[in-house]
Protein backbone atom coordinates (compact mmCIF):
# COMPACT_ATOMS: atom_id res chain seq x y z
CA MET A 1 -60.34 -46.46 20.64
CA GLN A 2 -58.98 -45.11 24.09
CA PHE A 3 -59.26 -41.20 25.83
CA LYS A 4 -56.51 -39.77 26.37
CA ASP A 5 -55.87 -37.16 28.78
CA TYR A 6 -53.85 -34.21 27.59
CA TYR A 7 -53.71 -32.78 30.88
CA GLU A 8 -52.02 -36.12 32.62
CA THR A 9 -49.07 -35.65 29.71
CA LEU A 10 -47.80 -32.85 30.35
CA GLY A 11 -48.49 -32.89 34.02
CA VAL A 12 -49.95 -29.47 34.13
CA ALA A 13 -54.04 -29.10 35.57
CA ARG A 14 -57.72 -28.25 34.13
CA GLU A 15 -57.41 -25.20 35.03
CA ALA A 16 -53.59 -24.08 34.27
CA THR A 17 -52.59 -21.10 32.41
CA GLN A 18 -50.46 -20.98 28.76
CA GLU A 19 -48.16 -19.83 30.00
CA ASP A 20 -48.13 -22.35 33.07
CA ILE A 21 -48.78 -25.36 29.24
CA LYS A 22 -45.39 -23.36 27.47
CA LYS A 23 -43.58 -24.47 30.59
CA ALA A 24 -43.76 -27.54 30.53
CA PHE A 25 -44.03 -29.14 27.03
CA ARG A 26 -39.90 -27.44 27.28
CA LYS A 27 -39.18 -28.70 31.01
CA LEU A 28 -40.38 -31.92 29.30
CA ALA A 29 -39.35 -31.49 25.67
CA ARG A 30 -36.03 -31.13 27.06
CA LYS A 31 -36.53 -34.43 29.38
CA TYR A 32 -37.63 -36.64 26.10
CA HIS A 33 -35.99 -35.02 22.75
CA PRO A 34 -34.21 -38.05 20.84
CA ASP A 35 -31.32 -36.47 20.45
CA VAL A 36 -30.70 -35.47 24.20
CA SER A 37 -32.62 -38.39 26.83
CA LYS A 38 -31.27 -41.34 27.54
CA GLU A 39 -34.11 -41.97 29.04
CA ALA A 40 -35.99 -45.35 27.67
CA ASN A 41 -38.86 -45.20 24.74
CA ALA A 42 -37.56 -41.10 24.47
CA GLU A 43 -39.36 -40.60 21.36
CA ALA A 44 -41.91 -42.47 21.61
CA HIS A 45 -43.09 -40.60 24.94
CA MET A 46 -41.12 -36.95 22.74
CA LYS A 47 -44.83 -37.71 20.06
CA ASP A 48 -47.27 -38.15 23.24
CA VAL A 49 -45.83 -34.58 24.72
CA ASN A 50 -46.33 -33.08 21.54
CA GLU A 51 -49.76 -33.95 20.73
CA ALA A 52 -50.84 -32.92 23.74
CA TYR A 53 -48.71 -29.40 23.72
CA ALA A 54 -50.35 -29.17 20.17
CA VAL A 55 -53.92 -29.35 21.46
CA LEU A 56 -53.36 -27.49 25.02
CA SER A 57 -51.37 -24.50 23.67
CA ASP A 58 -54.05 -23.89 20.39
CA PRO A 59 -57.11 -22.12 22.59
CA GLU A 60 -59.76 -23.55 20.33
CA LYS A 61 -58.77 -27.11 20.62
CA ARG A 62 -58.29 -26.71 24.47
CA ALA A 63 -61.81 -25.40 24.40
CA ALA A 64 -63.19 -28.10 22.72
CA TYR A 65 -61.25 -31.03 24.17
CA ASP A 66 -62.47 -30.30 27.57
CA GLN A 67 -65.85 -29.75 26.38
CA LEU A 68 -65.54 -33.41 25.21
CA GLY A 69 -63.64 -34.91 27.10
CA ARG A 70 -65.57 -34.17 30.78
CA GLY A 71 -66.24 -37.63 32.91
CA TYR A 72 -63.19 -39.89 30.59
CA GLN A 73 -60.55 -41.19 32.18
CA PRO A 74 -57.03 -42.18 30.55
CA GLY A 75 -57.27 -45.72 28.71
CA GLN A 76 -61.05 -45.51 29.10
CA GLU A 77 -62.34 -46.37 25.61
CA PHE A 78 -63.76 -43.26 23.73
CA ARG A 79 -65.83 -42.50 20.41
CA PRO A 80 -66.15 -38.58 20.41
CA PRO A 81 -70.74 -38.69 19.31
CA PRO A 82 -71.85 -37.31 16.29
CA ASP A 83 -71.61 -33.91 15.38
CA TRP A 84 -69.45 -33.42 18.43
CA ASP A 85 -67.87 -30.13 16.87
CA ALA A 86 -71.23 -28.57 16.13
CA GLY A 87 -71.52 -25.62 17.11
CA PHE A 88 -67.38 -23.91 17.59
CA GLU A 89 -66.25 -21.19 15.47
CA PHE A 90 -62.34 -22.43 15.31
CA SER A 91 -60.52 -20.56 13.18
CA GLY A 92 -58.34 -21.79 9.51
CA HIS A 93 -55.81 -23.58 11.19
CA GLY A 94 -56.12 -27.07 11.14
CA TYR A 95 -54.65 -30.05 10.83
CA PRO A 96 -54.76 -31.77 7.27
CA PRO A 97 -54.96 -35.18 7.52
CA ARG A 98 -51.56 -35.98 6.33
CA GLU A 99 -50.76 -34.46 9.21
CA ALA A 100 -52.69 -35.39 11.50
CA ALA A 101 -51.21 -39.15 11.14
CA ASP A 102 -48.65 -38.47 12.60
CA PHE A 103 -50.34 -38.51 16.41
CA SER A 104 -52.79 -40.80 17.25
CA ASP A 105 -55.82 -41.71 16.18
CA PHE A 106 -57.73 -40.35 19.16
CA PHE A 107 -56.34 -36.99 17.43
CA SER A 108 -56.59 -37.66 14.19
CA GLU A 109 -60.40 -38.71 14.93
CA LEU A 110 -60.81 -34.84 16.36
CA PHE A 111 -59.60 -32.83 14.74
CA GLY A 112 -57.78 -33.91 11.33
CA ARG A 113 -60.93 -31.90 9.38
CA MET A 114 -61.29 -28.99 12.07
CA GLY A 115 -61.46 -25.73 10.38
CA GLY A 116 -60.45 -25.86 6.90
CA ALA A 117 -57.48 -24.53 4.67
CA GLU A 118 -56.36 -20.80 5.35
CA ARG A 119 -56.58 -17.82 2.80
CA SER A 120 -53.58 -15.92 1.69
CA GLY A 121 -53.75 -11.91 1.00
CA PHE A 122 -51.12 -10.31 1.51
CA HIS A 123 -50.60 -7.13 -0.39
CA GLY A 124 -47.85 -4.42 -0.94
CA GLN A 125 -49.00 -0.57 -1.78
CA GLY A 126 -46.28 1.47 -1.00
CA GLY A 127 -44.29 0.19 1.09
CA GLN A 128 -47.22 -0.74 3.60
CA PHE A 129 -48.56 -4.49 3.35
CA HIS A 130 -52.89 -5.08 3.54
CA ALA A 131 -54.11 -9.23 4.71
CA GLN A 132 -57.37 -9.95 4.09
CA GLY A 133 -58.53 -11.57 7.59
CA GLU A 134 -58.43 -15.46 7.50
CA ASP A 135 -61.96 -17.37 7.79
CA HIS A 136 -63.33 -19.01 10.43
CA HIS A 137 -64.95 -22.66 9.84
CA ALA A 138 -68.23 -23.75 12.43
CA LYS A 139 -70.78 -27.25 11.98
CA VAL A 140 -73.89 -26.18 12.83
CA LEU A 141 -77.29 -28.18 13.20
CA LEU A 142 -80.60 -27.05 11.69
CA ASP A 143 -83.66 -28.80 11.73
CA VAL A 144 -84.47 -30.81 7.47
CA GLU A 145 -87.85 -28.72 8.21
CA ASP A 146 -85.69 -26.28 7.43
CA ALA A 147 -84.82 -27.74 4.51
CA PHE A 148 -87.77 -27.86 2.76
CA THR A 149 -88.88 -23.76 3.51
CA GLY A 150 -86.11 -21.58 4.05
CA ALA A 151 -85.67 -19.33 7.11
CA PHE A 152 -84.31 -17.28 9.38
CA ARG A 153 -82.30 -19.03 12.86
CA GLN A 154 -80.24 -17.34 15.32
CA ILE A 155 -77.48 -19.10 16.22
CA GLY A 156 -74.74 -19.03 18.61
CA LEU A 157 -71.53 -20.28 18.37
CA ARG A 158 -68.59 -21.32 20.88
CA VAL A 159 -65.47 -18.92 20.75
CA PRO A 160 -62.57 -19.90 22.87
CA GLN A 161 -61.02 -16.80 24.35
CA VAL A 162 -57.49 -16.70 26.49
CA ASP A 163 -58.45 -13.62 29.99
CA ALA A 164 -55.63 -11.42 31.26
CA GLN A 165 -54.07 -14.83 33.13
CA GLY A 166 -54.59 -17.15 30.25
CA ARG A 167 -56.77 -19.26 31.13
CA VAL A 168 -58.88 -20.57 28.72
CA SER A 169 -62.33 -19.48 28.35
CA LEU A 170 -65.63 -19.48 26.65
CA ALA A 171 -67.71 -16.79 25.08
CA THR A 172 -70.76 -17.46 22.61
CA ARG A 173 -71.05 -14.84 19.31
CA THR A 174 -74.91 -15.04 18.90
CA LEU A 175 -75.83 -14.31 14.93
CA ASN A 176 -79.19 -14.66 12.34
CA VAL A 177 -78.55 -16.61 9.34
CA LYS A 178 -80.82 -16.88 6.50
CA ILE A 179 -81.43 -20.20 5.73
CA PRO A 180 -81.99 -21.24 2.00
CA LYS A 181 -84.59 -23.20 0.80
CA GLY A 182 -82.46 -26.89 0.10
CA VAL A 183 -79.89 -26.78 1.11
CA ARG A 184 -78.54 -30.04 1.93
CA ALA A 185 -76.59 -31.99 4.30
CA GLY A 186 -72.82 -30.89 3.72
CA GLN A 187 -73.31 -27.63 1.79
CA ILE A 188 -71.44 -24.24 2.71
CA ILE A 189 -73.59 -20.68 4.09
CA ARG A 190 -70.59 -18.27 3.34
CA LEU A 191 -71.35 -15.56 5.99
CA ALA A 192 -69.09 -12.89 4.08
CA GLY A 193 -66.94 -10.28 6.29
CA GLN A 194 -68.22 -12.39 9.52
CA GLY A 195 -64.67 -13.53 10.31
CA ALA A 196 -60.86 -12.70 11.04
CA PRO A 197 -60.95 -9.08 10.66
CA GLY A 198 -57.57 -7.41 8.48
CA MET A 199 -54.55 -6.07 9.25
CA GLY A 200 -53.56 -2.35 7.78
CA GLY A 201 -56.62 -2.28 5.85
CA GLY A 202 -57.69 -5.42 4.70
CA ALA A 203 -60.45 -7.25 3.93
CA ALA A 204 -62.59 -9.12 7.58
CA GLY A 205 -62.45 -12.99 6.50
CA ASP A 206 -65.43 -14.38 5.98
CA LEU A 207 -67.47 -17.64 8.45
CA LEU A 208 -68.20 -20.36 6.88
CA LEU A 209 -71.13 -21.99 7.76
CA GLU A 210 -71.24 -26.01 7.62
CA VAL A 211 -74.22 -26.85 7.37
CA GLN A 212 -75.69 -30.44 9.24
CA PHE A 213 -78.72 -31.87 9.61
CA LYS A 214 -79.70 -32.44 13.19
CA PRO A 215 -81.03 -36.61 14.05
CA HIS A 216 -85.26 -36.69 13.10
CA PRO A 217 -87.50 -39.07 14.42
CA ARG A 218 -88.95 -39.12 11.20
CA PHE A 219 -86.05 -38.34 8.83
CA HIS A 220 -83.42 -39.35 7.47
CA ALA A 221 -81.48 -36.74 4.62
CA GLU A 222 -79.37 -38.45 2.01
CA GLY A 223 -78.40 -35.53 -0.49
CA ARG A 224 -81.05 -34.19 -0.72
CA ASP A 225 -82.80 -38.01 -0.77
CA LEU A 226 -85.22 -37.74 1.84
CA HIS A 227 -85.37 -41.53 3.61
CA LEU A 228 -88.73 -42.45 5.64
CA SER A 229 -90.21 -45.61 7.63
CA LEU A 230 -93.69 -45.61 6.52
CA PRO A 231 -95.37 -48.42 9.19
CA VAL A 232 -98.75 -49.99 6.62
CA ALA A 233 -101.52 -52.28 8.04
CA PRO A 234 -101.66 -55.37 6.97
CA TRP A 235 -104.36 -54.80 4.35
CA GLU A 236 -102.94 -52.29 3.31
CA ALA A 237 -100.08 -53.85 2.23
CA ALA A 238 -101.51 -56.88 0.94
CA LEU A 239 -104.21 -54.83 -0.92
CA GLY A 240 -103.03 -52.49 -1.25
CA ALA A 241 -103.38 -49.12 -0.95
CA VAL A 242 -103.67 -44.73 -1.09
CA ILE A 243 -102.81 -43.33 1.68
CA ALA A 244 -101.23 -40.21 2.61
CA VAL A 245 -97.37 -39.17 4.25
CA ASP A 246 -96.76 -36.04 5.81
CA LEU A 247 -94.15 -33.93 5.46
CA PRO A 248 -92.51 -30.34 5.69
CA THR A 249 -94.96 -29.37 2.66
CA GLY A 250 -98.20 -30.86 3.46
CA PRO A 251 -99.18 -34.62 3.18
CA VAL A 252 -98.23 -36.18 0.07
CA LYS A 253 -100.84 -39.12 -1.43
CA VAL A 254 -98.55 -42.35 -1.88
CA ARG A 255 -99.42 -45.42 -3.83
CA ILE A 256 -98.91 -48.46 -1.49
CA PRO A 257 -98.44 -51.95 -4.29
CA GLU A 258 -100.48 -55.26 -4.19
CA GLY A 259 -98.31 -57.17 -2.07
CA ALA A 260 -95.81 -54.53 -0.33
CA GLN A 261 -93.34 -56.39 1.70
CA SER A 262 -91.48 -55.05 4.89
CA GLY A 263 -88.08 -53.80 3.12
CA LYS A 264 -89.87 -52.70 -0.03
CA GLN A 265 -88.79 -49.55 -0.51
CA LEU A 266 -90.96 -47.05 -2.59
CA ARG A 267 -89.12 -43.67 -4.64
CA VAL A 268 -91.62 -40.96 -4.96
CA ARG A 269 -89.50 -38.39 -7.12
CA GLY A 270 -88.59 -35.37 -6.68
CA LYS A 271 -90.65 -35.27 -2.90
CA GLY A 272 -87.37 -34.86 -1.40
CA ILE A 273 -85.37 -32.40 -0.20
CA PRO A 274 -85.63 -28.55 -2.60
CA GLY A 275 -83.11 -28.85 -5.38
CA GLU A 276 -82.40 -28.13 -8.16
CA PRO A 277 -83.36 -31.29 -9.44
CA PRO A 278 -84.79 -31.66 -6.23
CA GLY A 279 -84.45 -34.96 -3.74
CA ASP A 280 -86.86 -38.81 -4.27
CA LEU A 281 -89.04 -40.03 -1.42
CA LEU A 282 -88.04 -43.22 0.13
CA LEU A 283 -90.42 -45.27 1.87
CA ASP A 284 -89.33 -47.69 3.62
CA ILE A 285 -92.47 -50.36 3.89
CA GLN A 286 -92.56 -51.68 7.49
CA VAL A 287 -96.09 -54.78 7.68
CA ALA A 288 -97.34 -53.31 11.22
CA LEU A 289 -99.04 -55.84 12.56
CA PRO A 290 -102.62 -54.91 15.32
CA PRO A 291 -102.90 -56.56 18.37
CA ALA A 292 -104.65 -59.02 19.43
CA ASP A 293 -106.20 -57.18 22.82
CA THR A 294 -109.88 -57.98 22.17
CA PRO A 295 -111.47 -61.08 22.31
CA ARG A 296 -112.73 -59.64 18.50
CA ALA A 297 -109.68 -59.36 17.29
CA ARG A 298 -108.24 -62.90 18.67
CA GLU A 299 -111.45 -64.19 17.16
CA LEU A 300 -110.14 -62.36 13.01
CA TYR A 301 -107.33 -63.98 13.15
CA GLU A 302 -107.93 -67.06 14.50
CA THR A 303 -110.36 -66.78 11.38
CA MET A 304 -107.44 -66.49 9.38
CA ALA A 305 -105.49 -69.18 11.05
CA ARG A 306 -107.89 -71.75 10.14
CA GLU A 307 -108.72 -70.18 6.40
CA MET A 308 -106.21 -69.10 5.00
CA ALA A 309 -103.64 -71.28 3.55
CA PHE A 310 -100.50 -69.89 4.40
CA ASP A 311 -97.69 -70.85 5.92
CA PRO A 312 -94.41 -67.74 6.31
CA ARG A 313 -91.65 -70.13 6.56
CA ALA A 314 -92.73 -72.44 3.36
CA ALA A 315 -89.62 -70.33 1.65
CA ASN A 316 -86.82 -71.80 4.42
CA ALA A 317 -88.35 -75.43 5.03
CA HIS A 318 -85.62 -77.50 3.78
CA THR A 319 -85.36 -79.37 0.83
CA PRO A 320 -83.91 -83.16 0.85
CA ASN A 321 -80.09 -82.90 -0.46
CA PRO A 322 -79.72 -84.70 -3.77
CA HIS A 323 -76.26 -85.57 -3.88
CA GLY A 324 -77.74 -88.06 -0.21
CA ARG A 325 -74.95 -85.94 2.34
CA ALA A 326 -76.29 -83.65 5.23
């Protein structure tokens, strides 16, 4: 996928005001609108202009695009980093995938799932209308350890705002959030009344926090299951052993079966992320060889080589073709 420079498409500077962007769009729309344009490839140009305007005219999308696109050139190979949109607070004006598909793959990848459906909340009484505020959305990254114990966390969200000159900037909104024990990736934490204010006395919307976990040096969560690569010594794998595996809530003893091989997976039920039911702990065995970095260590390896009738490549040995063909 190639990076698209929306500022270049509209012919405006990155410091352009919202009014500058609107004027540039109108000028290009008159030039490329298929109903009136005589330019070559007018329809394709108009599609690019519409896409650029859809992003740069929206302060939320523009702020996110600006943060993501620093250092990229038009046409450069581009893949958004995982969770690039974490920490941005979006209103409910996202593009559903079907509508996002009308634009490029670049747009769909970045904005196709951004935000959520706007909640309808208009009520009339005595000639007055009351509108419930729309929900806001944000993705937050938590430590997987928080899922085991629950926690209170201070979370900062970047909120786009337009200044008096029509330029987009980012402000930080800080919230104290209770993380429930057993939270899992993809779960929504709802903060009542923390969304957009209502109209005519209507209730404020909610802030919906989508939980994802930060990359962890040891653990990888899938739902409530917890994956862990477990190094074992050759004698532990060959003879079997009981070893302690450190988890966020403390060590748990695990039995390594005799003859375990690298790649074997052990399942310890109920020792994953807490819940109803709790997840499992999935251990991927990796046999780790001690180095032959001392005379004694080399002697032990040489003794094993002489006395153990072991060929690790025996299963891959060439078997003659019964039909005599190569």
